Amino acid sequence: MTSGIEIAPGELRLQVIKALRTIFDPEMPVNIYELGLIYEVKVDETRFVSIRMTLTAPNCPVAGTLPPEVELKVRGVPGVSGVKLELVFDPPWTKKMMSEAAKLELGIEDIIPIGRISYR
């Protein structure tokens, strides 16, 4: 509960995702949610948040700092009663997990597949 107002788990999940979108990979100008590093966000009836996330690579330079930053940000969301963060590497992260907006921002992949472009 926050300020005597109970937040539904679904609404709290949206607030958690909003907080996750404020965390950026230091090597890329894209937040970790759009980057596809967050595999799952669950909020139960007690407002306990469970997160499954990954890194771009197991030897990622932020492996020691990014997960604690995620946990700290999520704990700071009003209404969250606790957080469990699970760092996984299966499935391994690939650029295919990025949102279209992230791909566009990074210029990694054409949004329009080459096969659909007509040169007539």
C-alpha atoms as a PDB file:
ATOM      1  CA  MET A   1       0.000   0.000   0.000  1.00  0.00           C
ATOM      2  CA  THR A   2       1.058   3.549  -0.584  1.00  0.00           C
ATOM      3  CA  SER A   3      -0.531   6.547   1.154  1.00  0.00           C
ATOM      4  CA  GLY A   4      -3.448   4.335   2.205  1.00  0.00           C
ATOM      5  CA  ILE A   5      -4.308   3.613  -1.447  1.00  0.00           C
ATOM      6  CA  GLU A   6      -3.933   0.058  -2.637  1.00  0.00           C
ATOM      7  CA  ILE A   7      -2.364  -0.348  -6.079  1.00  0.00           C
ATOM      8  CA  ALA A   8      -3.530  -3.282  -8.182  1.00  0.00           C
ATOM      9  CA  PRO A   9      -0.716  -5.675  -9.164  1.00  0.00           C
ATOM     10  CA  GLY A  10      -1.254  -4.897 -12.860  1.00  0.00           C
ATOM     11  CA  GLU A  11      -0.912  -1.150 -12.293  1.00  0.00           C
ATOM     12  CA  LEU A  12       2.116  -1.691 -10.067  1.00  0.00           C
ATOM     13  CA  ARG A  13       3.708  -3.806 -12.804  1.00  0.00           C
ATOM     14  CA  LEU A  14       3.325  -0.866 -15.199  1.00  0.00           C
ATOM     15  CA  GLN A  15       4.975   1.431 -12.649  1.00  0.00           C
ATOM     16  CA  VAL A  16       7.853  -1.034 -12.264  1.00  0.00           C
ATOM     17  CA  ILE A  17       8.319  -1.161 -16.046  1.00  0.00           C
ATOM     18  CA  LYS A  18       8.289   2.643 -16.110  1.00  0.00           C
ATOM     19  CA  ALA A  19      11.110   2.615 -13.531  1.00  0.00           C
ATOM     20  CA  LEU A  20      13.042   0.020 -15.559  1.00  0.00           C
ATOM     21  CA  ARG A  21      12.839   2.318 -18.584  1.00  0.00           C
ATOM     22  CA  THR A  22      14.907   4.886 -16.634  1.00  0.00           C
ATOM     23  CA  ILE A  23      17.901   2.529 -16.396  1.00  0.00           C
ATOM     24  CA  PHE A  24      20.340   2.647 -19.293  1.00  0.00           C
ATOM     25  CA  ASP A  25      23.117   0.343 -20.374  1.00  0.00           C
ATOM     26  CA  PRO A  26      26.183   2.599 -20.008  1.00  0.00           C
ATOM     27  CA  GLU A  27      27.498   1.531 -23.406  1.00  0.00           C
ATOM     28  CA  MET A  28      24.257   2.160 -25.319  1.00  0.00           C
ATOM     29  CA  PRO A  29      21.813   5.083 -25.280  1.00  0.00           C
ATOM     30  CA  VAL A  30      18.840   2.718 -24.851  1.00  0.00           C
ATOM     31  CA  ASN A  31      17.077   1.723 -21.655  1.00  0.00           C
ATOM     32  CA  ILE A  32      17.382  -1.873 -20.487  1.00  0.00           C
ATOM     33  CA  TYR A  33      13.694  -2.613 -21.026  1.00  0.00           C
ATOM     34  CA  GLU A  34      13.713  -1.603 -24.720  1.00  0.00           C
ATOM     35  CA  LEU A  35      17.108  -3.269 -25.084  1.00  0.00           C
ATOM     36  CA  GLY A  36      15.386  -6.553 -24.223  1.00  0.00           C
ATOM     37  CA  LEU A  37      17.393  -7.302 -21.084  1.00  0.00           C
ATOM     38  CA  ILE A  38      14.246  -7.707 -18.980  1.00  0.00           C
ATOM     39  CA  TYR A  39      12.738 -11.109 -19.717  1.00  0.00           C
ATOM     40  CA  GLU A  40       9.912 -11.093 -17.176  1.00  0.00           C
ATOM     41  CA  VAL A  41       8.271  -8.830 -14.588  1.00  0.00           C
ATOM     42  CA  LYS A  42       5.722 -10.366 -12.210  1.00  0.00           C
ATOM     43  CA  VAL A  43       3.882  -8.698  -9.339  1.00  0.00           C
ATOM     44  CA  ASP A  44       1.935 -10.879  -6.921  1.00  0.00           C
ATOM     45  CA  GLU A  45      -1.019 -10.004  -4.679  1.00  0.00           C
ATOM     46  CA  THR A  46       1.349  -8.926  -1.877  1.00  0.00           C
ATOM     47  CA  ARG A  47       3.029  -6.440  -4.292  1.00  0.00           C
ATOM     48  CA  PHE A  48       6.215  -8.542  -4.340  1.00  0.00           C
ATOM     49  CA  VAL A  49       8.057  -8.101  -7.652  1.00  0.00           C
ATOM     50  CA  SER A  50       9.959 -10.903  -9.379  1.00  0.00           C
ATOM     51  CA  ILE A  51      12.208  -9.997 -12.286  1.00  0.00           C
ATOM     52  CA  ARG A  52      14.096 -12.231 -14.710  1.00  0.00           C
ATOM     53  CA  MET A  53      16.765 -10.363 -16.599  1.00  0.00           C
ATOM     54  CA  THR A  54      19.930 -10.915 -18.532  1.00  0.00           C
ATOM     55  CA  LEU A  55      22.956  -8.968 -19.721  1.00  0.00           C
ATOM     56  CA  THR A  56      24.195  -8.491 -23.258  1.00  0.00           C
ATOM     57  CA  ALA A  57      26.961 -11.011 -22.442  1.00  0.00           C
ATOM     58  CA  PRO A  58      27.974 -13.046 -19.375  1.00  0.00           C
ATOM     59  CA  ASN A  59      31.252 -11.100 -19.153  1.00  0.00           C
ATOM     60  CA  CYS A  60      29.474  -7.734 -19.499  1.00  0.00           C
ATOM     61  CA  PRO A  61      31.418  -4.955 -17.720  1.00  0.00           C
ATOM     62  CA  VAL A  62      28.282  -3.913 -15.762  1.00  0.00           C
ATOM     63  CA  ALA A  63      27.540  -7.432 -14.479  1.00  0.00           C
ATOM     64  CA  GLY A  64      28.368  -6.334 -10.931  1.00  0.00           C
ATOM     65  CA  THR A  65      26.531  -3.017 -10.984  1.00  0.00           C
ATOM     66  CA  LEU A  66      23.487  -3.270 -13.267  1.00  0.00           C
ATOM     67  CA  PRO A  67      21.485  -5.950 -11.379  1.00  0.00           C
ATOM     68  CA  PRO A  68      21.846  -4.108  -8.028  1.00  0.00           C
ATOM     69  CA  GLU A  69      20.798  -0.857  -9.766  1.00  0.00           C
ATOM     70  CA  VAL A  70      17.700  -2.605 -11.144  1.00  0.00           C
ATOM     71  CA  GLU A  71      16.794  -3.974  -7.721  1.00  0.00           C
ATOM     72  CA  LEU A  72      17.307  -0.585  -6.042  1.00  0.00           C
ATOM     73  CA  LYS A  73      15.147   1.256  -8.614  1.00  0.00           C
ATOM     74  CA  VAL A  74      12.333  -1.287  -8.356  1.00  0.00           C
ATOM     75  CA  ARG A  75      12.408  -1.215  -4.533  1.00  0.00           C
ATOM     76  CA  GLY A  76      11.937   2.550  -4.825  1.00  0.00           C
ATOM     77  CA  VAL A  77       8.636   2.239  -6.699  1.00  0.00           C
ATOM     78  CA  PRO A  78       5.812   3.191  -4.289  1.00  0.00           C
ATOM     79  CA  GLY A  79       3.783   0.126  -3.350  1.00  0.00           C
ATOM     80  CA  VAL A  80       6.503  -2.485  -3.945  1.00  0.00           C
ATOM     81  CA  SER A  81       6.789  -4.768  -0.903  1.00  0.00           C
ATOM     82  CA  GLY A  82       9.943  -6.578  -2.014  1.00  0.00           C
ATOM     83  CA  VAL A  83      12.031  -7.612  -5.009  1.00  0.00           C
ATOM     84  CA  LYS A  84      13.600 -10.827  -6.206  1.00  0.00           C
ATOM     85  CA  LEU A  85      15.909 -10.440  -9.176  1.00  0.00           C
ATOM     86  CA  GLU A  86      17.049 -13.498 -11.108  1.00  0.00           C
ATOM     87  CA  LEU A  87      19.959 -12.999 -13.502  1.00  0.00           C
ATOM     88  CA  VAL A  88      19.830 -15.578 -16.301  1.00  0.00           C
ATOM     89  CA  PHE A  89      21.787 -16.253 -19.482  1.00  0.00           C
ATOM     90  CA  ASP A  90      19.395 -18.712 -21.064  1.00  0.00           C
ATOM     91  CA  PRO A  91      18.130 -17.803 -23.514  1.00  0.00           C
ATOM     92  CA  PRO A  92      21.186 -15.755 -24.431  1.00  0.00           C
ATOM     93  CA  TRP A  93      20.490 -12.139 -25.341  1.00  0.00           C
ATOM     94  CA  THR A  94      20.597 -11.193 -29.022  1.00  0.00           C
ATOM     95  CA  LYS A  95      19.737  -7.987 -30.842  1.00  0.00           C
ATOM     96  CA  LYS A  96      16.489  -9.658 -31.936  1.00  0.00           C
ATOM     97  CA  MET A  97      15.227  -9.146 -28.359  1.00  0.00           C
ATOM     98  CA  MET A  98      15.406  -5.377 -28.757  1.00  0.00           C
ATOM     99  CA  SER A  99      12.282  -3.366 -29.458  1.00  0.00           C
ATOM    100  CA  GLU A 100      11.920  -1.815 -32.903  1.00  0.00           C
ATOM    101  CA  ALA A 101      12.399   1.610 -31.284  1.00  0.00           C
ATOM    102  CA  ALA A 102      15.710   0.491 -29.758  1.00  0.00           C
ATOM    103  CA  LYS A 103      16.913  -0.920 -33.082  1.00  0.00           C
ATOM    104  CA  LEU A 104      16.020   2.328 -34.793  1.00  0.00           C
ATOM    105  CA  GLU A 105      17.716   4.409 -32.090  1.00  0.00           C
ATOM    106  CA  LEU A 106      20.930   2.409 -32.419  1.00  0.00           C
ATOM    107  CA  GLY A 107      20.757   2.097 -36.200  1.00  0.00           C
ATOM    108  CA  ILE A 108      21.365  -1.627 -35.804  1.00  0.00           C
ATOM    109  CA  GLU A 109      18.809  -3.016 -38.206  1.00  0.00           C
ATOM    110  CA  ASP A 110      16.605  -1.682 -40.935  1.00  0.00           C
ATOM    111  CA  ILE A 111      12.999  -1.557 -39.784  1.00  0.00           C
ATOM    112  CA  ILE A 112      11.831  -2.384 -43.320  1.00  0.00           C
ATOM    113  CA  PRO A 113      13.239  -5.753 -44.421  1.00  0.00           C
ATOM    114  CA  ILE A 114      15.220  -5.522 -47.664  1.00  0.00           C
ATOM    115  CA  GLY A 115      12.885  -8.025 -49.344  1.00  0.00           C
ATOM    116  CA  ARG A 116      10.007  -5.533 -49.056  1.00  0.00           C
ATOM    117  CA  ILE A 117      11.805  -2.645 -50.749  1.00  0.00           C
ATOM    118  CA  SER A 118      10.915  -2.120 -54.388  1.00  0.00           C
ATOM    119  CA  TYR A 119      13.334  -0.281 -56.686  1.00  0.00           C
ATOM    120  CA  ARG A 120      10.969   0.136 -59.664  1.00  0.00           C
END
